[in-house]
Amino acid sequence: MLKHSPIISASPEIMGGTPVFPGTRVPVQTLLDYLKAGESIDDFLDGFPTVTREQVIALLEEAEKQLVNMVAQHESPVG
């Protein structure tokens, strides 16, 4: 993922360079921590109203795409 994109932003001036949702000071890691703890996206959004559902979905879709591409690149041919 890019450091400055519509999905994620990292700048030394914002949270010391911690990857955040663009336009917010909410670290992406916070969403991941919520999900790992069994919380829902709605729970996260209730706690961090500056983040939109669209931002969360875009982040998760990009993460999915990156993981699938990474696995596809590392699969060895069967034969």
N, C-alpha and C. Protein backbone atom coordinates (compact mmCIF):
# COMPACT_ATOMS: atom_id res chain seq x y z
N MET A 1 0.84 -1.18 0.00
CA MET A 1 0.00 0.00 0.00
C MET A 1 0.88 1.25 0.00
N LEU A 2 0.39 2.26 -0.63
CA LEU A 2 1.15 3.50 -0.68
C LEU A 2 1.04 4.25 0.63
N LYS A 3 2.10 4.99 0.95
CA LYS A 3 2.09 5.76 2.19
C LYS A 3 1.08 6.90 2.15
N HIS A 4 0.84 7.44 0.96
CA HIS A 4 -0.15 8.51 0.81
C HIS A 4 -1.10 8.10 -0.30
N SER A 5 -2.26 7.65 0.06
CA SER A 5 -3.25 7.20 -0.90
C SER A 5 -4.62 7.52 -0.31
N PRO A 6 -5.66 7.28 -1.07
CA PRO A 6 -6.99 7.50 -0.50
C PRO A 6 -7.30 6.51 0.63
N ILE A 7 -6.49 5.46 0.77
CA ILE A 7 -6.76 4.40 1.73
C ILE A 7 -5.99 4.57 3.03
N ILE A 8 -4.74 5.00 2.92
CA ILE A 8 -3.87 5.08 4.10
C ILE A 8 -2.90 6.24 3.92
N SER A 9 -2.53 6.85 5.02
CA SER A 9 -1.62 7.99 4.98
C SER A 9 -0.60 7.85 6.11
N ALA A 10 0.63 8.22 5.80
CA ALA A 10 1.68 8.23 6.82
C ALA A 10 2.52 9.48 6.61
N SER A 11 2.60 10.31 7.63
CA SER A 11 3.36 11.54 7.55
C SER A 11 4.01 11.80 8.90
N PRO A 12 5.26 12.24 8.90
CA PRO A 12 5.92 12.52 10.17
C PRO A 12 5.17 13.56 11.01
N GLU A 13 4.39 14.42 10.35
CA GLU A 13 3.66 15.47 11.07
C GLU A 13 2.37 14.95 11.73
N ILE A 14 1.91 13.77 11.34
CA ILE A 14 0.68 13.21 11.90
C ILE A 14 1.01 11.92 12.62
N MET A 15 0.82 11.93 13.92
CA MET A 15 1.05 10.74 14.75
C MET A 15 2.45 10.16 14.55
N GLY A 16 3.43 11.03 14.29
CA GLY A 16 4.81 10.60 14.16
C GLY A 16 5.06 9.63 13.02
N GLY A 17 4.22 9.67 11.98
CA GLY A 17 4.41 8.79 10.83
C GLY A 17 3.64 7.49 10.91
N THR A 18 2.87 7.30 11.98
CA THR A 18 2.04 6.11 12.10
C THR A 18 1.03 6.08 10.96
N PRO A 19 0.84 4.95 10.28
CA PRO A 19 -0.17 4.88 9.23
C PRO A 19 -1.57 5.12 9.82
N VAL A 20 -2.26 6.09 9.22
CA VAL A 20 -3.59 6.48 9.70
C VAL A 20 -4.57 6.49 8.53
N PHE A 21 -5.85 6.56 8.87
CA PHE A 21 -6.87 6.78 7.86
C PHE A 21 -6.73 8.24 7.41
N PRO A 22 -6.67 8.50 6.11
CA PRO A 22 -6.50 9.87 5.62
C PRO A 22 -7.55 10.83 6.19
N GLY A 23 -7.08 12.01 6.54
CA GLY A 23 -7.98 13.04 7.08
C GLY A 23 -8.31 12.84 8.55
N THR A 24 -7.67 11.85 9.18
CA THR A 24 -7.92 11.57 10.60
C THR A 24 -6.58 11.40 11.31
N ARG A 25 -6.65 11.21 12.60
CA ARG A 25 -5.49 10.83 13.39
C ARG A 25 -5.69 9.43 13.97
N VAL A 26 -6.52 8.64 13.30
CA VAL A 26 -6.85 7.29 13.77
C VAL A 26 -5.93 6.28 13.09
N PRO A 27 -5.07 5.62 13.88
CA PRO A 27 -4.17 4.62 13.30
C PRO A 27 -4.92 3.44 12.70
N VAL A 28 -4.44 2.98 11.56
CA VAL A 28 -5.00 1.79 10.92
C VAL A 28 -4.91 0.60 11.89
N GLN A 29 -3.84 0.54 12.66
CA GLN A 29 -3.65 -0.56 13.61
C GLN A 29 -4.81 -0.66 14.60
N THR A 30 -5.43 0.47 14.90
CA THR A 30 -6.55 0.46 15.84
C THR A 30 -7.70 -0.37 15.28
N LEU A 31 -7.99 -0.24 13.99
CA LEU A 31 -9.03 -1.06 13.37
C LEU A 31 -8.65 -2.53 13.48
N LEU A 32 -7.41 -2.85 13.16
CA LEU A 32 -6.98 -4.25 13.22
C LEU A 32 -7.08 -4.80 14.63
N ASP A 33 -6.73 -3.98 15.62
CA ASP A 33 -6.85 -4.41 17.02
C ASP A 33 -8.31 -4.69 17.38
N TYR A 34 -9.21 -3.83 16.93
CA TYR A 34 -10.64 -4.04 17.18
C TYR A 34 -11.09 -5.37 16.58
N LEU A 35 -10.73 -5.60 15.33
CA LEU A 35 -11.16 -6.82 14.66
C LEU A 35 -10.57 -8.06 15.30
N LYS A 36 -9.29 -8.00 15.69
CA LYS A 36 -8.66 -9.15 16.36
C LYS A 36 -9.33 -9.45 17.69
N ALA A 37 -9.84 -8.41 18.34
CA ALA A 37 -10.51 -8.59 19.64
C ALA A 37 -11.95 -9.07 19.48
N GLY A 38 -12.40 -9.26 18.24
CA GLY A 38 -13.75 -9.75 18.01
C GLY A 38 -14.80 -8.65 17.91
N GLU A 39 -14.34 -7.41 17.89
CA GLU A 39 -15.27 -6.29 17.75
C GLU A 39 -15.69 -6.16 16.29
N SER A 40 -16.80 -5.49 16.06
CA SER A 40 -17.30 -5.32 14.70
C SER A 40 -16.82 -4.01 14.11
N ILE A 41 -16.98 -3.88 12.81
CA ILE A 41 -16.68 -2.61 12.14
C ILE A 41 -17.54 -1.52 12.73
N ASP A 42 -18.80 -1.82 13.01
CA ASP A 42 -19.69 -0.82 13.61
C ASP A 42 -19.17 -0.35 14.96
N ASP A 43 -18.65 -1.28 15.77
CA ASP A 43 -18.07 -0.89 17.06
C ASP A 43 -16.91 0.08 16.85
N PHE A 44 -16.06 -0.23 15.88
CA PHE A 44 -14.93 0.65 15.58
C PHE A 44 -15.43 2.02 15.14
N LEU A 45 -16.38 2.04 14.22
CA LEU A 45 -16.89 3.32 13.71
C LEU A 45 -17.57 4.13 14.81
N ASP A 46 -18.23 3.47 15.73
CA ASP A 46 -18.84 4.18 16.87
C ASP A 46 -17.77 4.86 17.72
N GLY A 47 -16.64 4.20 17.87
CA GLY A 47 -15.56 4.75 18.69
C GLY A 47 -14.72 5.80 17.98
N PHE A 48 -14.74 5.77 16.66
CA PHE A 48 -13.91 6.67 15.85
C PHE A 48 -14.73 7.27 14.72
N PRO A 49 -15.62 8.21 15.06
CA PRO A 49 -16.55 8.75 14.06
C PRO A 49 -15.89 9.55 12.93
N THR A 50 -14.61 9.87 13.05
CA THR A 50 -13.95 10.59 11.95
C THR A 50 -13.59 9.65 10.80
N VAL A 51 -13.65 8.35 11.04
CA VAL A 51 -13.38 7.36 10.00
C VAL A 51 -14.72 6.94 9.40
N THR A 52 -14.76 6.83 8.08
CA THR A 52 -16.00 6.42 7.42
C THR A 52 -16.00 4.92 7.13
N ARG A 53 -17.19 4.38 6.98
CA ARG A 53 -17.33 2.97 6.61
C ARG A 53 -16.60 2.72 5.27
N GLU A 54 -16.71 3.67 4.36
CA GLU A 54 -16.07 3.51 3.06
C GLU A 54 -14.55 3.38 3.20
N GLN A 55 -13.97 4.16 4.13
CA GLN A 55 -12.53 4.06 4.36
C GLN A 55 -12.15 2.67 4.90
N VAL A 56 -12.95 2.17 5.83
CA VAL A 56 -12.67 0.85 6.41
C VAL A 56 -12.77 -0.23 5.34
N ILE A 57 -13.84 -0.20 4.55
CA ILE A 57 -14.03 -1.21 3.51
C ILE A 57 -12.92 -1.13 2.48
N ALA A 58 -12.55 0.09 2.07
CA ALA A 58 -11.46 0.25 1.09
C ALA A 58 -10.15 -0.33 1.64
N LEU A 59 -9.86 -0.08 2.90
CA LEU A 59 -8.65 -0.62 3.51
C LEU A 59 -8.68 -2.15 3.51
N LEU A 60 -9.79 -2.73 3.93
CA LEU A 60 -9.89 -4.19 3.99
C LEU A 60 -9.81 -4.81 2.59
N GLU A 61 -10.43 -4.16 1.61
CA GLU A 61 -10.37 -4.67 0.24
C GLU A 61 -8.94 -4.61 -0.29
N GLU A 62 -8.23 -3.52 0.00
CA GLU A 62 -6.85 -3.39 -0.46
C GLU A 62 -5.96 -4.42 0.24
N ALA A 63 -6.17 -4.63 1.52
CA ALA A 63 -5.39 -5.64 2.26
C ALA A 63 -5.64 -7.02 1.67
N GLU A 64 -6.89 -7.32 1.36
CA GLU A 64 -7.23 -8.61 0.76
C GLU A 64 -6.50 -8.77 -0.57
N LYS A 65 -6.56 -7.74 -1.41
CA LYS A 65 -5.92 -7.79 -2.71
C LYS A 65 -4.41 -8.00 -2.57
N GLN A 66 -3.79 -7.27 -1.64
CA GLN A 66 -2.35 -7.39 -1.42
C GLN A 66 -1.99 -8.81 -0.97
N LEU A 67 -2.77 -9.37 -0.06
CA LEU A 67 -2.49 -10.72 0.43
C LEU A 67 -2.64 -11.76 -0.66
N VAL A 68 -3.71 -11.66 -1.44
CA VAL A 68 -3.94 -12.61 -2.52
C VAL A 68 -2.81 -12.52 -3.54
N ASN A 69 -2.39 -11.30 -3.90
CA ASN A 69 -1.29 -11.14 -4.85
C ASN A 69 0.01 -11.70 -4.30
N MET A 70 0.25 -11.48 -3.01
CA MET A 70 1.48 -11.96 -2.39
C MET A 70 1.52 -13.49 -2.42
N VAL A 71 0.41 -14.12 -2.10
CA VAL A 71 0.35 -15.58 -2.10
C VAL A 71 0.49 -16.10 -3.52
N ALA A 72 -0.18 -15.46 -4.46
CA ALA A 72 -0.12 -15.90 -5.86
C ALA A 72 1.31 -15.82 -6.40
N GLN A 73 2.05 -14.81 -5.99
CA GLN A 73 3.43 -14.65 -6.46
C GLN A 73 4.37 -15.69 -5.85
N HIS A 74 4.01 -16.21 -4.69
CA HIS A 74 4.89 -17.15 -4.00
C HIS A 74 4.49 -18.61 -4.18
N GLU A 75 3.40 -18.85 -4.89
CA GLU A 75 2.99 -20.24 -5.14
C GLU A 75 3.93 -20.84 -6.15
N SER A 76 4.32 -22.11 -5.90
CA SER A 76 5.16 -22.77 -6.88
C SER A 76 4.26 -23.53 -7.86
N PRO A 77 4.71 -23.63 -9.08
CA PRO A 77 3.90 -24.35 -10.07
C PRO A 77 3.79 -25.82 -9.70
N VAL A 78 2.61 -26.36 -9.92
CA VAL A 78 2.38 -27.80 -9.64
C VAL A 78 2.74 -28.56 -10.88
N GLY A 79 3.45 -29.65 -10.72
CA GLY A 79 3.75 -30.43 -11.91
C GLY A 79 4.81 -31.32 -11.72
